[in-house]
Amino acid sequence: MMDVFIKEFPKQLKEAVAIGEKAKLTKHSEPIQNIVVLGMGGSGIGGDFAASFIRNYSTAPLASSKGYQIPAYVSKNSLVIASSYSGNTEETLEAFEQAVKKGSKIVCLTSGGKLLERAKELGLDYIQVPNTGQPPRACLGYSFVQQLVILKFFGFARPNCIEEVKKGIANLENAQETLHTAAKKAAKKMHGKFPVIYSTDRMEPVGLRFRQQLNENTKILCVHHVIPEMNHNELVGWRHQEGEFVAIFFHSADDLNRNKIRMETCKEIITQYADVIDFSCVGDSLIEQALYGVHYGDWISYEMAVLRDMDPVEVKAIDFLKHKLAEAAL
């Protein structure tokens, strides 16, 4: 089923745009000074993408809060986006209640559950997405598009950001087979090796997403880091490692020239110790490029699961943890 979910990513994005265009939101009575996205895992990563997309535009900082507690600075001057696909994520619900007490402007993003119930009960803004029965990680399109819709409404995202999403959708539809073929080739090269994922800081959410997909779909450990930061520490760690490694570089046409030099030099060094995979994220904007990189990484995670004879949907370890938590009172 995961291959079907991945293949239908462009379709999901289209549905998400249609939902966002019908969303009914209200302004806040107080000036907004900061933005916090509450969410975990597949529901929370939309906040990482949103933060990257608005960083060079927004006058308010955006932080992704992934835990039970909200930052101390959250106040009546905060915009809080509570994102939980199921609506029952316990960390998000706990943090959400704290934001309610602070008097923040809250917008809920969910398919249902307790979060939707509380939003209706308190008269809060919410955007409801379909409950498709898919795992949250397969619903990224619903999550991050709505976050862009919310941020655009409040003036913190570029006015044309949804148009860029639409261009990204067309880009994916045209490149679906090309991306899948490239992913199969990369999966074979990565099979049996420890993946180390690199991008520039602006594209870090793509690397984070890829790492999480390899964790859940492929059932392997891996790491991701960003350039230029890794040039000041991790680069030295490549020397004479035990085991088999593979480094994956995600490139953007918008990478700063200095970072391009850094990436090429890093590859020159790392090639001495590990295999290297290069991937250029196609698109005219950061949003388009990010979607392209996400789709490529998703396909790799699926193809590697096939090579490892793993069910990419199953997450028994997480289910076991949730069972243990359910046995104890919050």
Protein backbone atom coordinates (compact mmCIF):
# COMPACT_ATOMS: atom_id res chain seq x y z
CA MET A 1 0.00 0.00 0.00
CA MET A 2 2.81 2.45 0.74
CA ASP A 3 3.77 2.52 -2.93
CA VAL A 4 0.20 3.60 -3.73
CA PHE A 5 0.34 6.33 -1.08
CA ILE A 6 3.61 7.63 -2.49
CA LYS A 7 2.41 7.53 -6.08
CA GLU A 8 -0.70 9.51 -5.11
CA PHE A 9 1.29 12.27 -3.38
CA PRO A 10 0.62 14.77 -6.21
CA LYS A 11 -3.09 13.95 -6.03
CA GLN A 12 -3.06 14.50 -2.26
CA LEU A 13 -1.39 17.87 -2.76
CA LYS A 14 -4.15 18.87 -5.17
CA GLU A 15 -6.80 17.88 -2.64
CA ALA A 16 -4.94 19.80 0.06
CA VAL A 17 -4.88 22.95 -2.06
CA ALA A 18 -8.63 22.64 -2.69
CA ILE A 19 -9.26 22.25 1.04
CA GLY A 20 -7.06 25.23 1.84
CA GLU A 21 -8.81 27.46 -0.67
CA LYS A 22 -12.10 26.83 1.16
CA ALA A 23 -10.71 27.30 4.66
CA LYS A 24 -12.42 29.85 6.89
CA LEU A 25 -10.05 31.61 9.23
CA THR A 26 -10.37 34.68 11.43
CA LYS A 27 -7.89 37.37 12.38
CA HIS A 28 -6.54 37.73 15.90
CA SER A 29 -7.42 40.64 18.16
CA GLU A 30 -3.77 41.05 19.17
CA PRO A 31 -0.67 41.65 17.03
CA ILE A 32 1.15 38.39 16.36
CA GLN A 33 4.81 38.42 17.36
CA ASN A 34 5.75 34.76 16.98
CA ILE A 35 4.51 31.49 15.52
CA VAL A 36 4.65 28.02 17.06
CA VAL A 37 3.66 24.78 15.34
CA LEU A 38 2.68 21.94 17.67
CA GLY A 39 3.02 18.47 16.17
CA MET A 40 4.84 15.17 16.27
CA GLY A 41 6.29 12.90 13.58
CA GLY A 42 4.48 12.99 10.27
CA SER A 43 2.07 15.62 11.60
CA GLY A 44 4.81 17.85 12.97
CA ILE A 45 7.27 17.91 10.09
CA GLY A 46 5.01 20.29 8.17
CA GLY A 47 6.16 22.92 10.65
CA ASP A 48 9.79 22.34 9.67
CA PHE A 49 8.94 22.85 6.00
CA ALA A 50 6.86 25.94 6.77
CA ALA A 51 9.68 27.47 8.82
CA SER A 52 12.09 27.00 5.93
CA PHE A 53 9.66 28.36 3.35
CA ILE A 54 8.88 31.60 5.23
CA ARG A 55 12.27 32.26 6.81
CA ASN A 56 13.29 34.91 4.29
CA TYR A 57 9.85 36.55 4.25
CA SER A 58 8.14 36.40 7.63
CA THR A 59 8.49 39.21 10.17
CA ALA A 60 7.72 36.74 12.96
CA PRO A 61 9.89 33.75 13.91
CA LEU A 62 8.41 30.26 13.57
CA ALA A 63 9.37 27.41 15.88
CA SER A 64 8.34 23.75 15.68
CA SER A 65 7.47 22.52 19.17
CA LYS A 66 7.69 18.74 19.34
CA GLY A 67 6.84 17.72 22.86
CA TYR A 68 4.45 18.11 25.77
CA GLN A 69 5.37 21.68 26.68
CA ILE A 70 5.15 24.94 24.78
CA PRO A 71 7.93 27.56 24.88
CA ALA A 72 7.72 30.05 27.75
CA TYR A 73 7.37 32.97 25.33
CA VAL A 74 4.04 31.75 23.95
CA SER A 75 1.43 34.37 24.81
CA LYS A 76 -1.67 36.17 23.56
CA ASN A 77 0.63 37.55 20.86
CA SER A 78 1.42 34.09 19.49
CA LEU A 79 -0.05 32.23 16.53
CA VAL A 80 -0.19 28.55 17.48
CA ILE A 81 -0.87 25.90 14.83
CA ALA A 82 -1.83 22.60 16.47
CA SER A 83 -1.23 19.82 13.95
CA SER A 84 -2.31 16.25 14.64
CA TYR A 85 -3.56 14.12 11.78
CA SER A 86 -5.44 11.73 14.07
CA GLY A 87 -6.39 14.49 16.48
CA ASN A 88 -5.36 12.26 19.38
CA THR A 89 -1.59 12.80 19.64
CA GLU A 90 -1.08 13.11 23.38
CA GLU A 91 1.92 15.45 23.26
CA THR A 92 0.12 17.83 20.90
CA LEU A 93 -3.08 17.78 22.94
CA GLU A 94 -1.18 18.61 26.14
CA ALA A 95 0.71 21.48 24.48
CA PHE A 96 -2.51 22.69 22.87
CA GLU A 97 -4.23 23.06 26.25
CA GLN A 98 -1.30 25.13 27.49
CA ALA A 99 -1.65 27.47 24.50
CA VAL A 100 -5.37 27.82 25.22
CA LYS A 101 -4.56 29.04 28.74
CA LYS A 102 -2.11 31.57 27.28
CA GLY A 103 -4.84 33.13 25.13
CA SER A 104 -2.92 32.52 21.91
CA LYS A 105 -4.48 32.64 18.48
CA ILE A 106 -4.90 28.92 17.77
CA VAL A 107 -5.65 27.19 14.49
CA CYS A 108 -6.12 23.42 14.61
CA LEU A 109 -5.18 21.16 11.73
CA THR A 110 -6.58 17.63 12.00
CA SER A 111 -8.80 14.94 10.53
CA GLY A 112 -10.82 14.56 13.72
CA GLY A 113 -10.32 13.15 17.21
CA LYS A 114 -10.07 15.07 20.47
CA LEU A 115 -8.33 18.04 18.88
CA LEU A 116 -11.26 18.70 16.55
CA GLU A 117 -13.70 18.24 19.44
CA ARG A 118 -11.84 20.82 21.54
CA ALA A 119 -11.56 23.26 18.64
CA LYS A 120 -15.33 23.16 18.12
CA GLU A 121 -16.02 23.31 21.85
CA LEU A 122 -13.84 26.41 22.29
CA GLY A 123 -14.90 28.08 19.04
CA LEU A 124 -11.38 27.99 17.60
CA ASP A 125 -10.39 28.11 13.96
CA TYR A 126 -9.69 24.73 12.42
CA ILE A 127 -9.03 23.10 9.08
CA GLN A 128 -10.26 19.53 8.79
CA VAL A 129 -8.52 17.20 6.38
CA PRO A 130 -9.83 13.80 5.23
CA ASN A 131 -9.35 10.74 7.43
CA THR A 132 -8.03 8.42 4.73
CA GLY A 133 -6.77 5.73 7.07
CA GLN A 134 -3.22 6.32 5.89
CA PRO A 135 -0.37 6.66 8.37
CA PRO A 136 0.39 10.32 9.22
CA ARG A 137 3.71 10.20 7.35
CA ALA A 138 1.75 9.48 4.17
CA CYS A 139 -0.33 12.63 4.71
CA LEU A 140 2.41 15.25 4.54
CA GLY A 141 0.65 17.01 1.67
CA TYR A 142 -2.43 17.70 3.78
CA SER A 143 -0.32 18.99 6.65
CA PHE A 144 2.17 21.36 5.12
CA VAL A 145 -0.18 22.86 2.51
CA GLN A 146 -2.65 23.87 5.21
CA GLN A 147 0.14 25.38 7.26
CA LEU A 148 1.09 27.51 4.27
CA VAL A 149 -2.57 28.49 3.87
CA ILE A 150 -2.69 29.57 7.51
CA LEU A 151 0.58 31.47 7.35
CA LYS A 152 -0.43 33.19 4.12
CA PHE A 153 -3.75 34.27 5.68
CA PHE A 154 -1.92 35.97 8.54
CA GLY A 155 0.63 37.57 6.22
CA PHE A 156 3.66 35.48 7.14
CA ALA A 157 4.04 33.53 3.88
CA ARG A 158 4.55 34.90 0.39
CA PRO A 159 1.30 35.72 -1.44
CA ASN A 160 2.22 33.33 -4.29
CA CYS A 161 3.19 30.35 -2.10
CA ILE A 162 0.15 28.27 -3.06
CA GLU A 163 0.82 28.94 -6.72
CA GLU A 164 4.30 27.55 -6.15
CA VAL A 165 2.72 24.43 -4.64
CA LYS A 166 0.58 24.05 -7.76
CA LYS A 167 3.68 24.32 -9.95
CA GLY A 168 5.34 21.75 -7.75
CA ILE A 169 2.41 19.37 -8.26
CA ALA A 170 2.68 19.65 -12.04
CA ASN A 171 6.42 19.10 -11.74
CA LEU A 172 5.89 15.86 -9.80
CA GLU A 173 3.23 14.59 -12.19
CA ASN A 174 5.58 15.07 -15.13
CA ALA A 175 8.55 13.50 -13.34
CA GLN A 176 6.84 10.61 -11.54
CA GLU A 177 8.43 7.80 -13.54
CA THR A 178 11.80 9.53 -13.73
CA LEU A 179 11.90 9.98 -9.97
CA HIS A 180 10.83 6.41 -9.28
CA THR A 181 13.47 5.01 -11.63
CA ALA A 182 16.18 7.16 -10.03
CA ALA A 183 15.00 6.08 -6.58
CA LYS A 184 15.27 2.37 -7.48
CA LYS A 185 18.85 2.91 -8.63
CA ALA A 186 19.72 4.82 -5.45
CA ALA A 187 18.07 2.19 -3.23
CA LYS A 188 20.26 -0.54 -4.73
CA LYS A 189 23.36 1.54 -4.10
CA MET A 190 22.28 2.27 -0.50
CA HIS A 191 21.19 -1.27 0.36
CA GLY A 192 23.15 -2.70 3.27
CA LYS A 193 24.90 0.58 4.06
CA PHE A 194 24.42 3.28 6.69
CA PRO A 195 22.93 6.41 5.05
CA VAL A 196 24.20 9.89 5.92
CA ILE A 197 22.02 12.63 4.44
CA TYR A 198 23.24 16.13 3.60
CA SER A 199 21.69 19.34 2.29
CA THR A 200 22.11 23.04 2.87
CA ASP A 201 20.31 24.56 5.83
CA ARG A 202 17.42 25.84 3.71
CA MET A 203 16.69 22.34 2.47
CA GLU A 204 17.10 20.64 5.85
CA PRO A 205 13.41 19.60 6.07
CA VAL A 206 13.95 17.42 2.99
CA GLY A 207 16.80 15.65 4.74
CA LEU A 208 14.79 15.31 7.93
CA ARG A 209 11.83 13.88 6.03
CA PHE A 210 14.08 11.40 4.22
CA ARG A 211 15.62 10.28 7.51
CA GLN A 212 12.20 9.72 9.07
CA GLN A 213 10.97 7.81 6.03
CA LEU A 214 14.01 5.53 6.13
CA ASN A 215 13.33 4.98 9.84
CA GLU A 216 9.64 4.09 9.45
CA ASN A 217 9.34 2.65 5.95
CA THR A 218 12.71 0.93 5.63
CA LYS A 219 13.28 0.16 9.35
CA ILE A 220 16.88 1.38 9.42
CA LEU A 221 18.85 3.96 11.35
CA CYS A 222 20.45 6.90 9.55
CA VAL A 223 21.46 10.50 10.20
CA HIS A 224 21.09 13.86 8.52
CA HIS A 225 23.07 17.08 8.85
CA VAL A 226 23.32 20.42 7.09
CA ILE A 227 25.95 22.44 5.28
CA PRO A 228 27.66 24.69 6.29
CA GLU A 229 27.31 23.57 9.95
CA MET A 230 28.67 20.05 9.34
CA ASN A 231 31.83 21.61 7.89
CA HIS A 232 32.72 22.71 11.41
CA ASN A 233 32.49 19.28 13.05
CA GLU A 234 31.07 16.20 11.30
CA LEU A 235 33.29 16.41 8.24
CA VAL A 236 36.30 15.36 10.32
CA GLY A 237 34.38 12.33 11.61
CA TRP A 238 34.38 10.66 8.20
CA ARG A 239 38.03 9.64 8.46
CA HIS A 240 38.62 5.87 8.75
CA GLN A 241 35.13 4.75 9.82
CA GLU A 242 34.30 1.09 10.36
CA GLY A 243 31.38 -0.30 8.40
CA GLU A 244 29.85 0.61 5.05
CA PHE A 245 28.40 4.10 4.61
CA VAL A 246 26.68 6.00 1.82
CA ALA A 247 26.31 9.79 1.68
CA ILE A 248 23.33 11.36 -0.09
CA PHE A 249 23.54 15.02 -1.13
CA PHE A 250 20.36 16.97 -1.90
CA HIS A 251 21.16 19.98 -4.10
CA SER A 252 19.08 23.06 -4.80
CA ALA A 253 19.59 25.49 -7.66
CA ASP A 254 19.20 28.22 -5.05
CA ASP A 255 22.08 27.02 -2.88
CA LEU A 256 24.48 29.85 -2.15
CA ASN A 257 27.64 29.71 -4.25
CA ARG A 258 29.79 29.36 -1.15
CA ASN A 259 27.69 26.39 -0.06
CA LYS A 260 28.01 24.83 -3.52
CA ILE A 261 31.77 24.95 -3.14
CA ARG A 262 31.45 23.43 0.33
CA MET A 263 29.28 20.59 -0.97
CA GLU A 264 31.62 19.77 -3.82
CA THR A 265 34.62 19.78 -1.48
CA CYS A 266 32.76 17.60 1.04
CA LYS A 267 32.00 15.07 -1.69
CA GLU A 268 35.67 15.04 -2.68
CA ILE A 269 36.61 14.20 0.91
CA ILE A 270 33.80 11.73 1.65
CA THR A 271 34.30 9.80 -1.60
CA GLN A 272 37.55 8.52 -0.10
CA TYR A 273 35.59 6.69 2.59
CA ALA A 274 32.07 6.00 1.25
CA ASP A 275 29.81 5.85 -1.78
CA VAL A 276 28.16 9.15 -2.70
CA ILE A 277 24.77 9.84 -4.29
CA ASP A 278 24.01 13.24 -5.80
CA PHE A 279 20.46 14.47 -6.30
CA SER A 280 19.35 17.81 -7.72
CA CYS A 281 15.94 19.02 -6.56
CA VAL A 282 14.19 20.42 -9.63
CA GLY A 283 11.97 23.50 -9.51
CA ASP A 284 11.84 27.28 -9.84
CA SER A 285 11.22 27.88 -6.13
CA LEU A 286 12.23 26.41 -2.79
CA ILE A 287 8.75 24.91 -2.38
CA GLU A 288 8.88 23.16 -5.76
CA GLN A 289 12.38 21.88 -5.10
CA ALA A 290 11.45 20.60 -1.64
CA LEU A 291 8.45 18.68 -2.98
CA TYR A 292 10.68 17.13 -5.64
CA GLY A 293 13.24 16.05 -3.05
CA VAL A 294 10.56 14.67 -0.74
CA HIS A 295 9.06 12.52 -3.47
CA TYR A 296 12.46 11.13 -4.47
CA GLY A 297 13.28 10.28 -0.86
CA ASP A 298 9.90 8.67 -0.26
CA TRP A 299 10.38 6.38 -3.24
CA ILE A 300 13.87 5.40 -2.07
CA SER A 301 12.52 4.48 1.38
CA TYR A 302 9.90 2.24 -0.22
CA GLU A 303 12.32 0.54 -2.63
CA MET A 304 14.78 -0.11 0.18
CA ALA A 305 11.98 -1.67 2.24
CA VAL A 306 11.31 -4.02 -0.68
CA LEU A 307 15.00 -4.93 -0.86
CA ARG A 308 15.02 -5.62 2.89
CA ASP A 309 11.73 -7.56 2.69
CA MET A 310 10.11 -5.14 5.16
CA ASP A 311 6.50 -4.00 5.34
CA PRO A 312 6.81 -0.21 4.89
CA VAL A 313 3.47 0.46 6.60
CA GLU A 314 4.06 -1.54 9.80
CA VAL A 315 5.41 0.34 12.85
CA LYS A 316 5.16 -2.27 15.62
CA ALA A 317 7.75 -0.58 17.83
CA ILE A 318 5.71 2.65 17.92
CA ASP A 319 2.49 0.70 18.53
CA PHE A 320 4.15 -1.09 21.47
CA LEU A 321 5.27 2.23 22.94
CA LYS A 322 1.77 3.68 22.63
CA HIS A 323 0.35 0.60 24.34
CA LYS A 324 2.73 1.06 27.27
CA LEU A 325 1.83 4.75 27.53
CA ALA A 326 -1.87 3.91 27.50
CA GLU A 327 -1.35 1.68 30.53
CA ALA A 328 -0.05 4.65 32.52
CA ALA A 329 -2.00 7.83 33.30
CA LEU A 330 -0.78 11.01 31.57
